[in-house]
C-alpha atoms as a PDB file:
ATOM      1  CA  MET A   1     -52.493 -53.049  25.408  1.00  0.00           C
ATOM      2  CA  ALA A   2     -51.800 -49.322  26.019  1.00  0.00           C
ATOM      3  CA  GLN A   3     -49.046 -47.588  24.793  1.00  0.00           C
ATOM      4  CA  VAL A   4     -49.444 -44.724  27.136  1.00  0.00           C
ATOM      5  CA  LEU A   5     -50.931 -43.906  30.627  1.00  0.00           C
ATOM      6  CA  VAL A   6     -52.715 -40.658  31.527  1.00  0.00           C
ATOM      7  CA  VAL A   7     -52.641 -40.135  35.161  1.00  0.00           C
ATOM      8  CA  ASP A   8     -54.981 -36.861  36.306  1.00  0.00           C
ATOM      9  CA  ASP A   9     -57.614 -36.273  38.919  1.00  0.00           C
ATOM     10  CA  SER A  10     -59.401 -33.955  36.327  1.00  0.00           C
ATOM     11  CA  SER A  11     -61.734 -35.773  34.186  1.00  0.00           C
ATOM     12  CA  THR A  12     -61.826 -32.853  31.806  1.00  0.00           C
ATOM     13  CA  VAL A  13     -57.445 -32.805  31.215  1.00  0.00           C
ATOM     14  CA  ARG A  14     -57.781 -36.483  31.250  1.00  0.00           C
ATOM     15  CA  ASN A  15     -60.288 -36.620  28.597  1.00  0.00           C
ATOM     16  CA  GLU A  16     -58.742 -34.222  26.368  1.00  0.00           C
ATOM     17  CA  VAL A  17     -55.057 -35.581  26.614  1.00  0.00           C
ATOM     18  CA  CYS A  18     -56.187 -38.776  25.735  1.00  0.00           C
ATOM     19  CA  ASP A  19     -58.362 -37.840  22.923  1.00  0.00           C
ATOM     20  CA  PHE A  20     -55.456 -35.989  21.622  1.00  0.00           C
ATOM     21  CA  LEU A  21     -53.106 -39.558  21.977  1.00  0.00           C
ATOM     22  CA  LYS A  22     -55.722 -41.581  20.466  1.00  0.00           C
ATOM     23  CA  ALA A  23     -56.506 -39.470  17.779  1.00  0.00           C
ATOM     24  CA  ASN A  24     -52.538 -39.604  16.558  1.00  0.00           C
ATOM     25  CA  GLY A  25     -51.816 -43.199  16.668  1.00  0.00           C
ATOM     26  CA  LEU A  26     -51.579 -43.678  20.196  1.00  0.00           C
ATOM     27  CA  THR A  27     -53.215 -46.548  22.405  1.00  0.00           C
ATOM     28  CA  VAL A  28     -54.356 -44.750  25.239  1.00  0.00           C
ATOM     29  CA  SER A  29     -55.441 -45.894  29.118  1.00  0.00           C
ATOM     30  CA  ALA A  30     -56.117 -43.657  31.736  1.00  0.00           C
ATOM     31  CA  ALA A  31     -55.863 -43.245  35.599  1.00  0.00           C
ATOM     32  CA  VAL A  32     -57.751 -41.007  38.174  1.00  0.00           C
ATOM     33  CA  ASP A  33     -54.710 -40.584  40.472  1.00  0.00           C
ATOM     34  CA  GLY A  34     -51.299 -41.761  41.368  1.00  0.00           C
ATOM     35  CA  ARG A  35     -52.482 -45.375  43.084  1.00  0.00           C
ATOM     36  CA  ASP A  36     -54.936 -46.106  40.448  1.00  0.00           C
ATOM     37  CA  GLY A  37     -51.327 -45.225  38.166  1.00  0.00           C
ATOM     38  CA  LEU A  38     -49.760 -47.732  39.702  1.00  0.00           C
ATOM     39  CA  ASP A  39     -51.986 -50.847  39.230  1.00  0.00           C
ATOM     40  CA  LYS A  40     -53.235 -49.413  35.517  1.00  0.00           C
ATOM     41  CA  LEU A  41     -49.227 -50.337  34.842  1.00  0.00           C
ATOM     42  CA  LYS A  42     -48.856 -53.162  37.197  1.00  0.00           C
ATOM     43  CA  ALA A  43     -51.193 -54.642  34.691  1.00  0.00           C
ATOM     44  CA  ASP A  44     -50.504 -53.375  31.637  1.00  0.00           C
ATOM     45  CA  PRO A  45     -46.611 -53.833  30.617  1.00  0.00           C
ATOM     46  CA  GLY A  46     -47.538 -52.313  27.253  1.00  0.00           C
ATOM     47  CA  ILE A  47     -47.301 -48.798  28.805  1.00  0.00           C
ATOM     48  CA  LYS A  48     -43.610 -47.550  27.608  1.00  0.00           C
ATOM     49  CA  LEU A  49     -44.758 -43.503  28.945  1.00  0.00           C
ATOM     50  CA  VAL A  50     -46.523 -42.320  31.761  1.00  0.00           C
ATOM     51  CA  VAL A  51     -48.398 -38.553  31.630  1.00  0.00           C
ATOM     52  CA  SER A  52     -48.844 -37.144  34.566  1.00  0.00           C
ATOM     53  CA  ASP A  53     -50.257 -34.425  36.646  1.00  0.00           C
ATOM     54  CA  VAL A  54     -48.426 -34.295  40.190  1.00  0.00           C
ATOM     55  CA  ASN A  55     -51.220 -32.654  42.625  1.00  0.00           C
ATOM     56  CA  MET A  56     -53.691 -35.425  42.881  1.00  0.00           C
ATOM     57  CA  PRO A  57     -55.410 -37.131  46.306  1.00  0.00           C
ATOM     58  CA  ASN A  58     -54.717 -40.352  47.410  1.00  0.00           C
ATOM     59  CA  MET A  59     -51.122 -40.426  45.749  1.00  0.00           C
ATOM     60  CA  ASP A  60     -49.580 -37.384  43.850  1.00  0.00           C
ATOM     61  CA  GLY A  61     -47.651 -37.901  40.979  1.00  0.00           C
ATOM     62  CA  LEU A  62     -44.386 -37.683  42.126  1.00  0.00           C
ATOM     63  CA  THR A  63     -45.183 -40.424  44.861  1.00  0.00           C
ATOM     64  CA  MET A  64     -46.067 -42.522  42.180  1.00  0.00           C
ATOM     65  CA  ALA A  65     -42.941 -41.642  39.694  1.00  0.00           C
ATOM     66  CA  GLU A  66     -41.069 -42.905  42.822  1.00  0.00           C
ATOM     67  CA  LYS A  67     -43.037 -45.686  43.582  1.00  0.00           C
ATOM     68  CA  ILE A  68     -43.087 -46.887  39.831  1.00  0.00           C
ATOM     69  CA  ARG A  69     -39.273 -46.466  40.244  1.00  0.00           C
ATOM     70  CA  SER A  70     -38.458 -47.942  43.468  1.00  0.00           C
ATOM     71  CA  GLU A  71     -41.907 -50.597  44.323  1.00  0.00           C
ATOM     72  CA  GLN A  72     -42.257 -51.420  40.790  1.00  0.00           C
ATOM     73  CA  ARG A  73     -38.448 -51.682  39.818  1.00  0.00           C
ATOM     74  CA  ASN A  74     -39.690 -50.470  36.091  1.00  0.00           C
ATOM     75  CA  ALA A  75     -36.713 -48.418  34.842  1.00  0.00           C
ATOM     76  CA  SER A  76     -37.404 -49.099  31.045  1.00  0.00           C
ATOM     77  CA  VAL A  77     -41.246 -46.657  31.410  1.00  0.00           C
ATOM     78  CA  ASN A  78     -40.685 -43.266  30.421  1.00  0.00           C
ATOM     79  CA  ILE A  79     -42.482 -40.329  32.657  1.00  0.00           C
ATOM     80  CA  ILE A  80     -43.787 -36.837  31.893  1.00  0.00           C
ATOM     81  CA  MET A  81     -45.314 -34.875  34.641  1.00  0.00           C
ATOM     82  CA  LEU A  82     -48.104 -32.334  32.864  1.00  0.00           C
ATOM     83  CA  THR A  83     -49.365 -29.559  35.444  1.00  0.00           C
ATOM     84  CA  THR A  84     -49.017 -26.560  36.946  1.00  0.00           C
ATOM     85  CA  GLU A  85     -46.719 -26.485  38.940  1.00  0.00           C
ATOM     86  CA  ASN A  86     -43.541 -25.289  38.231  1.00  0.00           C
ATOM     87  CA  SER A  87     -41.716 -24.730  41.489  1.00  0.00           C
ATOM     88  CA  PRO A  88     -37.311 -25.674  41.046  1.00  0.00           C
ATOM     89  CA  THR A  89     -37.667 -27.868  44.055  1.00  0.00           C
ATOM     90  CA  MET A  90     -40.689 -30.369  42.411  1.00  0.00           C
ATOM     91  CA  LYS A  91     -38.988 -30.673  39.181  1.00  0.00           C
ATOM     92  CA  GLU A  92     -35.595 -31.779  40.956  1.00  0.00           C
ATOM     93  CA  ARG A  93     -37.652 -33.706  42.812  1.00  0.00           C
ATOM     94  CA  GLY A  94     -39.011 -35.606  39.600  1.00  0.00           C
ATOM     95  CA  LYS A  95     -35.366 -35.844  38.732  1.00  0.00           C
ATOM     96  CA  ALA A  96     -34.350 -37.611  41.224  1.00  0.00           C
ATOM     97  CA  ALA A  97     -37.330 -39.978  40.561  1.00  0.00           C
ATOM     98  CA  GLY A  98     -36.557 -40.389  36.970  1.00  0.00           C
ATOM     99  CA  VAL A  99     -39.169 -38.235  35.473  1.00  0.00           C
ATOM    100  CA  LYS A 100     -38.113 -37.341  31.279  1.00  0.00           C
ATOM    101  CA  GLY A 101     -39.785 -34.200  30.861  1.00  0.00           C
ATOM    102  CA  TRP A 102     -41.793 -31.481  32.534  1.00  0.00           C
ATOM    103  CA  ILE A 103     -44.992 -29.665  30.632  1.00  0.00           C
ATOM    104  CA  VAL A 104     -46.430 -27.068  32.212  1.00  0.00           C
ATOM    105  CA  LYS A 105     -50.362 -26.570  31.880  1.00  0.00           C
ATOM    106  CA  PRO A 106     -52.253 -25.877  29.850  1.00  0.00           C
ATOM    107  CA  PHE A 107     -51.882 -29.234  27.503  1.00  0.00           C
ATOM    108  CA  ASN A 108     -50.680 -27.815  24.064  1.00  0.00           C
ATOM    109  CA  GLY A 109     -50.668 -31.517  22.019  1.00  0.00           C
ATOM    110  CA  PRO A 110     -49.626 -30.110  18.970  1.00  0.00           C
ATOM    111  CA  ALA A 111     -46.055 -28.875  20.337  1.00  0.00           C
ATOM    112  CA  VAL A 112     -45.484 -32.212  22.272  1.00  0.00           C
ATOM    113  CA  VAL A 113     -46.757 -34.740  19.854  1.00  0.00           C
ATOM    114  CA  GLY A 114     -43.995 -35.504  18.119  1.00  0.00           C
ATOM    115  CA  SER A 115     -41.707 -35.789  21.638  1.00  0.00           C
ATOM    116  CA  LEU A 116     -44.270 -38.134  23.765  1.00  0.00           C
ATOM    117  CA  LYS A 117     -44.322 -40.379  20.283  1.00  0.00           C
ATOM    118  CA  LYS A 118     -40.318 -40.728  20.253  1.00  0.00           C
ATOM    119  CA  LEU A 119     -40.836 -41.644  24.247  1.00  0.00           C
ATOM    120  CA  VAL A 120     -42.974 -44.713  23.221  1.00  0.00           C
ATOM    121  CA  GLY A 121     -41.082 -45.799  20.416  1.00  0.00           C
END
């Protein structure tokens, strides 16, 4: 069972984030888009944190976050967006969907690892 689910369509970013989190003691799984992320979250009740890109094919990260809360009725998983998007409109949509934080790429693991570990519990 994973503690963290990393959702990003870029294999480079996905691997970088997964490798960093694993090196810092977290159990990680990965998904290639929001649709895959929903499937992985349904299959693994041990996931406590989702770190997701916003812009992805098939299903974007904000839609995935909305579906986690509405369709899966999962209010306990923490959701963080890791994206190049920084618009107030997108952040408001994320906040309405229960997104706990917004990290602007590039990923700076050492700066956020403490906060991510707290969200995992």
